[in-house]
C-alpha atoms as a PDB file:
ATOM      1  CA  MET A   1       0.000   0.000   0.000  1.00  0.00           C
ATOM      2  CA  SER A   2       1.343   3.427  -0.872  1.00  0.00           C
ATOM      3  CA  ALA A   3       1.716   6.077   1.794  1.00  0.00           C
ATOM      4  CA  VAL A   4      -1.199   8.531   1.794  1.00  0.00           C
ATOM      5  CA  PRO A   5      -0.783  11.841   3.631  1.00  0.00           C
ATOM      6  CA  LEU A   6      -2.548  11.579   6.964  1.00  0.00           C
ATOM      7  CA  ILE A   7      -4.301  14.919   6.554  1.00  0.00           C
ATOM      8  CA  ALA A   8      -5.827  13.783   3.254  1.00  0.00           C
ATOM      9  CA  ILE A   9      -7.341  10.724   4.897  1.00  0.00           C
ATOM     10  CA  GLY A  10      -8.725  12.959   7.637  1.00  0.00           C
ATOM     11  CA  MET A  11     -10.424  15.167   5.058  1.00  0.00           C
ATOM     12  CA  VAL A  12     -12.092  12.278   3.266  1.00  0.00           C
ATOM     13  CA  PHE A  13     -13.330  10.432   6.344  1.00  0.00           C
ATOM     14  CA  ARG A  14     -13.800  13.270   8.832  1.00  0.00           C
ATOM     15  CA  GLU A  15     -17.425  12.406   9.580  1.00  0.00           C
ATOM     16  CA  GLY A  16     -17.094   8.636   9.549  1.00  0.00           C
ATOM     17  CA  THR A  17     -15.011   5.866  10.974  1.00  0.00           C
ATOM     18  CA  MET A  18     -13.111   3.009   9.452  1.00  0.00           C
ATOM     19  CA  ASN A  19     -10.349   0.580  10.212  1.00  0.00           C
ATOM     20  CA  ALA A  20      -7.445   1.176   7.884  1.00  0.00           C
ATOM     21  CA  MET A  21      -3.738   0.716   7.563  1.00  0.00           C
ATOM     22  CA  ILE A  22      -2.238   4.192   7.442  1.00  0.00           C
ATOM     23  CA  TYR A  23       1.125   5.814   7.895  1.00  0.00           C
ATOM     24  CA  HIS A  24       1.468   8.100  10.895  1.00  0.00           C
ATOM     25  CA  GLU A  25       4.516  10.210  11.576  1.00  0.00           C
ATOM     26  CA  CYS A  26       5.684  10.035  15.189  1.00  0.00           C
ATOM     27  CA  LYS A  27       8.863  12.009  15.789  1.00  0.00           C
ATOM     28  CA  SER A  28      11.299  10.625  13.183  1.00  0.00           C
ATOM     29  CA  GLU A  29       9.644   7.237  12.768  1.00  0.00           C
ATOM     30  CA  ILE A  30       6.943   6.000  10.408  1.00  0.00           C
ATOM     31  CA  ILE A  31       4.482   3.744  12.194  1.00  0.00           C
ATOM     32  CA  LEU A  32       2.132   1.457  10.293  1.00  0.00           C
ATOM     33  CA  GLY A  33      -0.878   0.110  12.106  1.00  0.00           C
ATOM     34  CA  PRO A  34      -4.668  -0.184  12.378  1.00  0.00           C
ATOM     35  CA  VAL A  35      -6.394   2.936  13.673  1.00  0.00           C
ATOM     36  CA  SER A  36      -9.841   4.432  13.880  1.00  0.00           C
ATOM     37  CA  ILE A  37     -10.162   7.629  11.869  1.00  0.00           C
ATOM     38  CA  ARG A  38     -12.351  10.439  13.270  1.00  0.00           C
ATOM     39  CA  MET A  39     -10.085  13.393  12.743  1.00  0.00           C
ATOM     40  CA  LEU A  40     -10.555  17.081  13.529  1.00  0.00           C
ATOM     41  CA  ASN A  41      -8.714  19.439  11.178  1.00  0.00           C
ATOM     42  CA  GLY A  42      -6.449  16.537  10.265  1.00  0.00           C
ATOM     43  CA  LYS A  43      -5.509  16.021  13.929  1.00  0.00           C
ATOM     44  CA  ARG A  44      -5.868  12.795  15.868  1.00  0.00           C
ATOM     45  CA  ILE A  45      -7.804  13.333  19.117  1.00  0.00           C
ATOM     46  CA  ALA A  46      -7.323  11.308  22.307  1.00  0.00           C
ATOM     47  CA  VAL A  47      -9.225  11.481  25.581  1.00  0.00           C
ATOM     48  CA  VAL A  48      -7.347  10.208  28.615  1.00  0.00           C
ATOM     49  CA  MET A  49      -9.055   9.341  31.874  1.00  0.00           C
ATOM     50  CA  PRO A  50      -6.941   9.035  35.053  1.00  0.00           C
ATOM     51  CA  ALA A  51      -9.037   6.677  37.159  1.00  0.00           C
ATOM     52  CA  TYR A  52      -9.240   5.558  40.761  1.00  0.00           C
ATOM     53  CA  ASN A  53     -12.344   3.713  41.985  1.00  0.00           C
ATOM     54  CA  ALA A  54     -14.480   5.019  39.129  1.00  0.00           C
ATOM     55  CA  GLU A  55     -16.624   1.971  38.299  1.00  0.00           C
ATOM     56  CA  ARG A  56     -19.951   3.719  39.049  1.00  0.00           C
ATOM     57  CA  THR A  57     -19.367   6.847  36.986  1.00  0.00           C
ATOM     58  CA  LEU A  58     -17.187   5.558  34.151  1.00  0.00           C
ATOM     59  CA  PRO A  59     -20.044   4.280  31.914  1.00  0.00           C
ATOM     60  CA  ALA A  60     -21.869   7.629  31.972  1.00  0.00           C
ATOM     61  CA  THR A  61     -18.632   9.477  31.200  1.00  0.00           C
ATOM     62  CA  VAL A  62     -17.766   7.264  28.245  1.00  0.00           C
ATOM     63  CA  GLU A  63     -21.315   7.326  26.887  1.00  0.00           C
ATOM     64  CA  GLU A  64     -21.156  11.101  26.407  1.00  0.00           C
ATOM     65  CA  LEU A  65     -17.791  11.201  24.631  1.00  0.00           C
ATOM     66  CA  PRO A  66     -18.280  12.756  21.170  1.00  0.00           C
ATOM     67  CA  GLU A  67     -17.658  10.911  17.902  1.00  0.00           C
ATOM     68  CA  ILE A  68     -14.578  12.978  17.034  1.00  0.00           C
ATOM     69  CA  VAL A  69     -12.507  11.099  19.632  1.00  0.00           C
ATOM     70  CA  ASP A  70     -10.027   8.717  17.970  1.00  0.00           C
ATOM     71  CA  ALA A  71      -8.531   7.124  21.088  1.00  0.00           C
ATOM     72  CA  ARG A  72     -10.184   6.568  24.482  1.00  0.00           C
ATOM     73  CA  ILE A  73      -7.581   5.705  27.105  1.00  0.00           C
ATOM     74  CA  LEU A  74      -8.051   4.927  30.794  1.00  0.00           C
ATOM     75  CA  VAL A  75      -5.253   4.518  33.324  1.00  0.00           C
ATOM     76  CA  ASP A  76      -6.196   2.843  36.586  1.00  0.00           C
ATOM     77  CA  ASP A  77      -4.161   3.737  39.676  1.00  0.00           C
ATOM     78  CA  PHE A  78      -4.677   0.386  41.450  1.00  0.00           C
ATOM     79  CA  SER A  79      -8.377   0.784  42.202  1.00  0.00           C
ATOM     80  CA  ALA A  80     -10.072  -1.364  44.817  1.00  0.00           C
ATOM     81  CA  ASP A  81     -13.305  -1.629  42.803  1.00  0.00           C
ATOM     82  CA  ARG A  82     -14.208  -2.926  39.308  1.00  0.00           C
ATOM     83  CA  THR A  83     -12.872   0.056  37.355  1.00  0.00           C
ATOM     84  CA  VAL A  84     -10.617  -2.130  35.205  1.00  0.00           C
ATOM     85  CA  GLU A  85     -13.373  -4.648  34.446  1.00  0.00           C
ATOM     86  CA  VAL A  86     -15.768  -1.855  33.466  1.00  0.00           C
ATOM     87  CA  ALA A  87     -13.123  -0.259  31.236  1.00  0.00           C
ATOM     88  CA  ARG A  88     -12.662  -3.612  29.498  1.00  0.00           C
ATOM     89  CA  GLU A  89     -16.413  -4.041  29.026  1.00  0.00           C
ATOM     90  CA  LEU A  90     -16.616  -0.561  27.493  1.00  0.00           C
ATOM     91  CA  GLY A  91     -13.867  -1.403  25.013  1.00  0.00           C
ATOM     92  CA  LEU A  92     -11.434   1.202  26.329  1.00  0.00           C
ATOM     93  CA  VAL A  93      -7.707   1.037  25.831  1.00  0.00           C
ATOM     94  CA  HIS A  94      -6.605   0.738  29.439  1.00  0.00           C
ATOM     95  CA  PHE A  95      -3.487   0.458  31.562  1.00  0.00           C
ATOM     96  CA  VAL A  96      -3.159  -0.634  35.179  1.00  0.00           C
ATOM     97  CA  HIS A  97      -0.597   0.534  37.744  1.00  0.00           C
ATOM     98  CA  ASP A  98       0.958  -2.154  39.948  1.00  0.00           C
ATOM     99  CA  ARG A  99       0.206  -0.029  43.031  1.00  0.00           C
ATOM    100  CA  ASN A 100      -1.352   3.305  43.931  1.00  0.00           C
ATOM    101  CA  TYR A 101       1.192   5.920  42.804  1.00  0.00           C
ATOM    102  CA  GLY A 102      -0.944   9.051  42.875  1.00  0.00           C
ATOM    103  CA  TYR A 103      -2.797  11.390  40.561  1.00  0.00           C
ATOM    104  CA  GLY A 104       0.325  12.967  39.085  1.00  0.00           C
ATOM    105  CA  ARG A 105       1.904   9.664  38.100  1.00  0.00           C
ATOM    106  CA  ASN A 106      -1.422   8.601  36.624  1.00  0.00           C
ATOM    107  CA  GLN A 107      -1.347  11.631  34.332  1.00  0.00           C
ATOM    108  CA  GLN A 108       2.206  10.855  33.262  1.00  0.00           C
ATOM    109  CA  THR A 109       1.053   7.401  32.175  1.00  0.00           C
ATOM    110  CA  CYS A 110      -2.012   8.859  30.450  1.00  0.00           C
ATOM    111  CA  TYR A 111      -0.014  11.307  28.363  1.00  0.00           C
ATOM    112  CA  THR A 112       2.731   8.810  27.548  1.00  0.00           C
ATOM    113  CA  GLU A 113       0.209   6.356  26.142  1.00  0.00           C
ATOM    114  CA  ALA A 114      -1.762   9.032  24.287  1.00  0.00           C
ATOM    115  CA  LEU A 115       1.433  10.093  22.527  1.00  0.00           C
ATOM    116  CA  ALA A 116       2.171   6.447  21.741  1.00  0.00           C
ATOM    117  CA  GLU A 117      -1.293   6.263  20.115  1.00  0.00           C
ATOM    118  CA  GLY A 118      -0.251   9.085  17.795  1.00  0.00           C
ATOM    119  CA  ALA A 119      -2.482  11.743  19.363  1.00  0.00           C
ATOM    120  CA  ASP A 120      -2.060  15.329  18.192  1.00  0.00           C
ATOM    121  CA  VAL A 121      -4.530  16.714  20.756  1.00  0.00           C
ATOM    122  CA  VAL A 122      -4.995  15.140  24.190  1.00  0.00           C
ATOM    123  CA  ILE A 123      -7.905  15.953  26.502  1.00  0.00           C
ATOM    124  CA  MET A 124      -7.729  14.888  30.131  1.00  0.00           C
ATOM    125  CA  LEU A 125     -11.199  14.120  31.481  1.00  0.00           C
ATOM    126  CA  HIS A 126     -11.863  12.729  34.947  1.00  0.00           C
ATOM    127  CA  PRO A 127     -14.033   9.597  34.713  1.00  0.00           C
ATOM    128  CA  ASP A 128     -16.016  10.593  37.810  1.00  0.00           C
ATOM    129  CA  TYR A 129     -18.589  12.460  35.655  1.00  0.00           C
ATOM    130  CA  GLN A 130     -17.968  15.707  37.519  1.00  0.00           C
ATOM    131  CA  TYR A 131     -17.108  17.495  34.256  1.00  0.00           C
ATOM    132  CA  THR A 132     -19.326  17.148  31.189  1.00  0.00           C
ATOM    133  CA  PRO A 133     -17.704  15.178  28.326  1.00  0.00           C
ATOM    134  CA  LEU A 134     -19.845  17.188  25.899  1.00  0.00           C
ATOM    135  CA  LEU A 135     -17.215  19.959  25.867  1.00  0.00           C
ATOM    136  CA  VAL A 136     -14.501  17.700  24.424  1.00  0.00           C
ATOM    137  CA  THR A 137     -15.232  18.839  20.860  1.00  0.00           C
ATOM    138  CA  ALA A 138     -15.016  22.539  21.732  1.00  0.00           C
ATOM    139  CA  MET A 139     -11.803  22.146  23.704  1.00  0.00           C
ATOM    140  CA  ALA A 140     -10.181  19.891  21.123  1.00  0.00           C
ATOM    141  CA  SER A 141     -11.108  22.304  18.317  1.00  0.00           C
ATOM    142  CA  MET A 142      -9.387  25.221  20.037  1.00  0.00           C
ATOM    143  CA  VAL A 143      -6.156  23.236  20.099  1.00  0.00           C
ATOM    144  CA  ALA A 144      -6.560  21.424  16.764  1.00  0.00           C
ATOM    145  CA  TYR A 145      -6.988  24.724  14.907  1.00  0.00           C
ATOM    146  CA  GLY A 146      -4.023  26.323  16.674  1.00  0.00           C
ATOM    147  CA  VAL A 147      -5.956  28.923  18.635  1.00  0.00           C
ATOM    148  CA  TYR A 148      -4.397  27.775  21.930  1.00  0.00           C
ATOM    149  CA  ASP A 149      -1.804  25.227  23.021  1.00  0.00           C
ATOM    150  CA  VAL A 150      -3.692  24.500  26.243  1.00  0.00           C
ATOM    151  CA  VAL A 151      -7.400  24.815  27.025  1.00  0.00           C
ATOM    152  CA  LEU A 152      -8.929  24.605  30.505  1.00  0.00           C
ATOM    153  CA  GLY A 153     -12.521  23.797  31.381  1.00  0.00           C
ATOM    154  CA  SER A 154     -13.242  26.516  33.943  1.00  0.00           C
ATOM    155  CA  ARG A 155     -15.800  26.037  36.695  1.00  0.00           C
ATOM    156  CA  ILE A 156     -15.529  29.719  37.607  1.00  0.00           C
ATOM    157  CA  ILE A 157     -16.530  31.377  34.327  1.00  0.00           C
ATOM    158  CA  GLY A 158     -20.274  31.809  34.347  1.00  0.00           C
ATOM    159  CA  GLY A 159     -20.554  31.250  38.099  1.00  0.00           C
ATOM    160  CA  GLN A 160     -20.912  27.473  37.732  1.00  0.00           C
ATOM    161  CA  ALA A 161     -18.827  26.283  40.686  1.00  0.00           C
ATOM    162  CA  LEU A 162     -21.024  26.986  43.713  1.00  0.00           C
ATOM    163  CA  ARG A 163     -24.209  26.188  41.813  1.00  0.00           C
ATOM    164  CA  GLY A 164     -22.724  22.830  40.948  1.00  0.00           C
ATOM    165  CA  GLY A 165     -22.079  22.044  44.608  1.00  0.00           C
ATOM    166  CA  MET A 166     -18.436  23.019  45.115  1.00  0.00           C
ATOM    167  CA  PRO A 167     -17.821  23.318  48.891  1.00  0.00           C
ATOM    168  CA  LEU A 168     -17.468  26.937  49.965  1.00  0.00           C
ATOM    169  CA  TYR A 169     -13.997  26.460  51.469  1.00  0.00           C
ATOM    170  CA  LYS A 170     -12.754  25.014  48.177  1.00  0.00           C
ATOM    171  CA  TYR A 171     -14.224  27.925  46.272  1.00  0.00           C
ATOM    172  CA  VAL A 172     -12.506  30.430  48.571  1.00  0.00           C
ATOM    173  CA  PHE A 173      -9.165  28.580  48.307  1.00  0.00           C
ATOM    174  CA  ASN A 174      -9.577  28.447  44.530  1.00  0.00           C
ATOM    175  CA  ARG A 175     -10.098  32.206  44.221  1.00  0.00           C
ATOM    176  CA  LEU A 176      -7.230  33.137  46.564  1.00  0.00           C
ATOM    177  CA  LEU A 177      -4.731  30.738  44.979  1.00  0.00           C
ATOM    178  CA  THR A 178      -5.723  31.791  41.469  1.00  0.00           C
ATOM    179  CA  ALA A 179      -5.239  35.486  42.294  1.00  0.00           C
ATOM    180  CA  PHE A 180      -1.799  34.731  43.760  1.00  0.00           C
ATOM    181  CA  GLU A 181      -0.774  32.725  40.701  1.00  0.00           C
ATOM    182  CA  ASN A 182      -2.035  35.275  38.190  1.00  0.00           C
ATOM    183  CA  LEU A 183       0.055  37.894  39.928  1.00  0.00           C
ATOM    184  CA  PHE A 184       3.333  35.965  39.764  1.00  0.00           C
ATOM    185  CA  LEU A 185       2.916  33.845  36.629  1.00  0.00           C
ATOM    186  CA  GLY A 186       2.167  36.843  34.454  1.00  0.00           C
ATOM    187  CA  ILE A 187      -0.966  35.407  32.854  1.00  0.00           C
ATOM    188  CA  LYS A 188      -4.650  35.762  33.656  1.00  0.00           C
ATOM    189  CA  VAL A 189      -6.992  32.784  33.843  1.00  0.00           C
ATOM    190  CA  SER A 190     -10.137  32.300  35.894  1.00  0.00           C
ATOM    191  CA  GLU A 191      -8.781  29.199  37.657  1.00  0.00           C
ATOM    192  CA  TYR A 192      -5.745  26.898  37.659  1.00  0.00           C
ATOM    193  CA  HIS A 193      -7.365  24.018  39.487  1.00  0.00           C
ATOM    194  CA  SER A 194      -9.702  22.425  36.974  1.00  0.00           C
ATOM    195  CA  GLY A 195      -9.113  18.775  36.150  1.00  0.00           C
ATOM    196  CA  TYR A 196     -10.499  19.220  32.620  1.00  0.00           C
ATOM    197  CA  ARG A 197      -7.711  20.129  30.186  1.00  0.00           C
ATOM    198  CA  ALA A 198      -6.707  19.888  26.533  1.00  0.00           C
ATOM    199  CA  PHE A 199      -3.092  19.911  25.351  1.00  0.00           C
ATOM    200  CA  SER A 200      -1.304  19.926  22.032  1.00  0.00           C
ATOM    201  CA  ARG A 201       1.221  17.203  21.298  1.00  0.00           C
ATOM    202  CA  GLU A 202       3.967  19.822  21.374  1.00  0.00           C
ATOM    203  CA  VAL A 203       3.125  20.767  24.964  1.00  0.00           C
ATOM    204  CA  LEU A 204       3.271  17.157  26.147  1.00  0.00           C
ATOM    205  CA  THR A 205       6.560  16.415  24.409  1.00  0.00           C
ATOM    206  CA  LYS A 206       8.395  19.612  25.379  1.00  0.00           C
ATOM    207  CA  LEU A 207       7.485  20.015  29.064  1.00  0.00           C
ATOM    208  CA  PRO A 208       9.749  18.224  31.604  1.00  0.00           C
ATOM    209  CA  LEU A 209       6.748  16.401  33.071  1.00  0.00           C
ATOM    210  CA  LEU A 210       8.775  13.621  34.665  1.00  0.00           C
ATOM    211  CA  GLU A 211      10.232  16.219  37.045  1.00  0.00           C
ATOM    212  CA  ASN A 212       6.785  16.867  38.534  1.00  0.00           C
ATOM    213  CA  SER A 213       5.156  15.479  41.661  1.00  0.00           C
ATOM    214  CA  ASP A 214       3.216  12.203  41.700  1.00  0.00           C
ATOM    215  CA  ASP A 215       0.551  13.908  43.818  1.00  0.00           C
ATOM    216  CA  PHE A 216      -2.265  16.374  43.059  1.00  0.00           C
ATOM    217  CA  VAL A 217       0.069  19.373  42.723  1.00  0.00           C
ATOM    218  CA  PHE A 218       1.190  17.873  39.380  1.00  0.00           C
ATOM    219  CA  ASP A 219      -1.762  19.729  37.838  1.00  0.00           C
ATOM    220  CA  ASN A 220      -0.514  23.071  39.021  1.00  0.00           C
ATOM    221  CA  GLN A 221       3.130  22.401  38.218  1.00  0.00           C
ATOM    222  CA  MET A 222       2.112  21.570  34.661  1.00  0.00           C
ATOM    223  CA  LEU A 223       0.298  24.871  34.148  1.00  0.00           C
ATOM    224  CA  ALA A 224       3.186  26.783  35.690  1.00  0.00           C
ATOM    225  CA  GLN A 225       5.473  25.026  33.204  1.00  0.00           C
ATOM    226  CA  CYS A 226       3.153  25.975  30.344  1.00  0.00           C
ATOM    227  CA  ALA A 227       3.362  29.622  31.420  1.00  0.00           C
ATOM    228  CA  TYR A 228       7.146  29.451  31.895  1.00  0.00           C
ATOM    229  CA  PHE A 229       7.790  27.987  28.454  1.00  0.00           C
ATOM    230  CA  GLY A 230       5.412  30.392  26.722  1.00  0.00           C
ATOM    231  CA  PHE A 231       2.505  28.187  25.671  1.00  0.00           C
ATOM    232  CA  LYS A 232      -0.840  29.888  25.003  1.00  0.00           C
ATOM    233  CA  ILE A 233      -3.567  29.032  27.537  1.00  0.00           C
ATOM    234  CA  GLY A 234      -7.296  29.466  26.879  1.00  0.00           C
ATOM    235  CA  GLU A 235     -10.477  28.568  28.747  1.00  0.00           C
ATOM    236  CA  VAL A 236     -14.073  27.526  28.200  1.00  0.00           C
ATOM    237  CA  SER A 237     -16.916  27.702  30.694  1.00  0.00           C
ATOM    238  CA  CYS A 238     -17.612  24.259  32.131  1.00  0.00           C
ATOM    239  CA  PRO A 239     -20.572  23.318  34.336  1.00  0.00           C
ATOM    240  CA  THR A 240     -19.646  20.897  37.073  1.00  0.00           C
ATOM    241  CA  LYS A 241     -21.462  18.797  39.613  1.00  0.00           C
ATOM    242  CA  TYR A 242     -20.435  17.458  43.004  1.00  0.00           C
ATOM    243  CA  PHE A 243     -22.095  14.263  44.237  1.00  0.00           C
ATOM    244  CA  PRO A 244     -21.051  11.328  46.461  1.00  0.00           C
ATOM    245  CA  GLU A 245     -19.574   9.204  43.650  1.00  0.00           C
ATOM    246  CA  ALA A 246     -17.504  12.074  42.240  1.00  0.00           C
ATOM    247  CA  SER A 247     -13.889  12.041  43.368  1.00  0.00           C
ATOM    248  CA  SER A 248     -12.796  14.914  45.559  1.00  0.00           C
ATOM    249  CA  ILE A 249      -9.882  15.435  47.922  1.00  0.00           C
ATOM    250  CA  ASN A 250     -10.616  16.100  51.591  1.00  0.00           C
ATOM    251  CA  PHE A 251      -9.751  19.205  53.612  1.00  0.00           C
ATOM    252  CA  ARG A 252      -6.333  17.928  54.728  1.00  0.00           C
ATOM    253  CA  ARG A 253      -5.318  17.015  51.184  1.00  0.00           C
ATOM    254  CA  SER A 254      -6.696  20.331  49.962  1.00  0.00           C
ATOM    255  CA  VAL A 255      -4.423  22.204  52.391  1.00  0.00           C
ATOM    256  CA  LYS A 256      -1.428  20.137  51.256  1.00  0.00           C
ATOM    257  CA  TYR A 257      -2.308  20.889  47.643  1.00  0.00           C
ATOM    258  CA  GLY A 258      -2.643  24.607  48.397  1.00  0.00           C
ATOM    259  CA  LEU A 259       0.788  24.728  50.007  1.00  0.00           C
ATOM    260  CA  GLY A 260       2.185  22.947  46.958  1.00  0.00           C
ATOM    261  CA  VAL A 261       0.596  25.553  44.693  1.00  0.00           C
ATOM    262  CA  LEU A 262       2.188  28.365  46.681  1.00  0.00           C
ATOM    263  CA  ALA A 263       5.589  26.633  46.548  1.00  0.00           C
ATOM    264  CA  THR A 264       5.327  26.100  42.783  1.00  0.00           C
ATOM    265  CA  THR A 265       4.416  29.753  42.217  1.00  0.00           C
ATOM    266  CA  VAL A 266       7.337  30.981  44.316  1.00  0.00           C
ATOM    267  CA  GLN A 267       9.701  28.647  42.445  1.00  0.00           C
ATOM    268  CA  PHE A 268       8.406  30.027  39.136  1.00  0.00           C
ATOM    269  CA  ALA A 269       9.049  33.604  40.259  1.00  0.00           C
ATOM    270  CA  LEU A 270      12.520  32.850  41.612  1.00  0.00           C
ATOM    271  CA  GLN A 271      13.506  31.090  38.397  1.00  0.00           C
ATOM    272  CA  LYS A 272      12.164  33.964  36.278  1.00  0.00           C
ATOM    273  CA  TRP A 273      14.066  36.479  38.389  1.00  0.00           C
ATOM    274  CA  GLY A 274      17.295  34.491  38.156  1.00  0.00           C
ATOM    275  CA  LEU A 275      17.322  33.811  41.887  1.00  0.00           C
ATOM    276  CA  GLY A 276      16.909  30.054  41.750  1.00  0.00           C
ATOM    277  CA  LYS A 277      16.951  27.002  39.524  1.00  0.00           C
ATOM    278  CA  PHE A 278      14.344  24.257  39.760  1.00  0.00           C
ATOM    279  CA  ARG A 279      14.107  21.013  37.827  1.00  0.00           C
ATOM    280  CA  ILE A 280      10.462  21.493  36.866  1.00  0.00           C
ATOM    281  CA  PHE A 281      11.462  24.590  34.891  1.00  0.00           C
ATOM    282  CA  ASN A 282      14.584  23.084  33.305  1.00  0.00           C
ATOM    283  CA  ALA A 283      14.180  22.795  29.532  1.00  0.00           C
ATOM    284  CA  ASP A 284      16.547  19.810  29.631  1.00  0.00           C
ATOM    285  CA  GLY A 285      14.603  18.079  32.409  1.00  0.00           C
ATOM    286  CA  ARG A 286      13.183  14.580  32.057  1.00  0.00           C
ATOM    287  CA  LYS A 287      10.394  14.319  29.512  1.00  0.00           C
ATOM    288  CA  LEU A 288       7.822  11.681  28.613  1.00  0.00           C
ATOM    289  CA  GLU A 289       9.261   8.767  26.661  1.00  0.00           C
ATOM    290  CA  PRO A 290       7.468   6.133  24.568  1.00  0.00           C
ATOM    291  CA  GLY A 291       7.219   2.549  25.736  1.00  0.00           C
ATOM    292  CA  ILE A 292       5.517   0.940  28.703  1.00  0.00           C
ATOM    293  CA  ALA A 293       7.358   1.526  31.965  1.00  0.00           C
ATOM    294  CA  ASP A 294       7.860  -1.253  34.489  1.00  0.00           C
ATOM    295  CA  TYR A 295       5.199   0.012  36.899  1.00  0.00           C
ATOM    296  CA  TYR A 296       2.117  -0.620  34.762  1.00  0.00           C
ATOM    297  CA  VAL A 297       0.710  -3.066  32.234  1.00  0.00           C
ATOM    298  CA  ARG A 298      -1.628  -2.768  29.270  1.00  0.00           C
ATOM    299  CA  GLY A 299      -5.002  -4.438  29.492  1.00  0.00           C
ATOM    300  CA  ILE A 300      -6.782  -6.111  26.587  1.00  0.00           C
ATOM    301  CA  ALA A 301      -9.968  -4.294  25.618  1.00  0.00           C
ATOM    302  CA  SER A 302     -13.029  -6.231  24.526  1.00  0.00           C
ATOM    303  CA  SER A 303     -15.782  -4.940  22.268  1.00  0.00           C
ATOM    304  CA  PRO A 304     -18.608  -3.121  24.087  1.00  0.00           C
ATOM    305  CA  GLN A 305     -21.651  -5.254  24.682  1.00  0.00           C
ATOM    306  CA  GLY A 306     -24.351  -4.317  22.313  1.00  0.00           C
END
């Protein structure tokens, strides 16, 4: 079979799906393999779901994913429930950690495997159904068409947070931390603490993400890195809902996260001012690399029951 430009295939089959053997450029290699084609502006779209005890909410999350998604990837951080079995039943590409490493490490695995799938745009969506999957198309489009490098689903724009059930103390912490970060990071966003994000492939390959924490502050370190290295950040208004099955960190973990946010912001400022050097802002720091690491395994997805 002759090599057909990937963008041409995307134009012909943008509204449909098919299994085909196509050539996909990944760094300097040419990879030949079966893929599902549902491309947006010639870009391959992946949704990654960092999961921990998400069996009850995962089906609803997956059901609302739009048709433009080419790869649906779940990474399980050693859940105690049936998250892995449900992911298999839903036909998801899934990976399982050999122990509970934390939210940050889960994201590292998510992004590594999305890049390995040839994704050009990667959307992180929590599988707890707290954020609506219906915004995936809008967020992916903003990156796929080059408007932004990073897009955040903001719970603050439009006054959605408190109406959706966000605890008052979390709302107050969110506003104070965001004001502090906007002041020192030199950008202006409505919040840094959303777990709904879209990234370009360039962002995920250029940031030294392996220098970041394995814990919740990974989220904030990543956005600080995006600001430091000059990536464009945009936002969309995102309704959210808090309910018992939705994952949420407790007050103690929230305080620990807040202190981590303050530390990251101070490190950013010191590095910018030439008063310190930190690995998370080192352009030569450790970056994501292809290939399955020794701390997780790939599961075999079955076809969804129909």
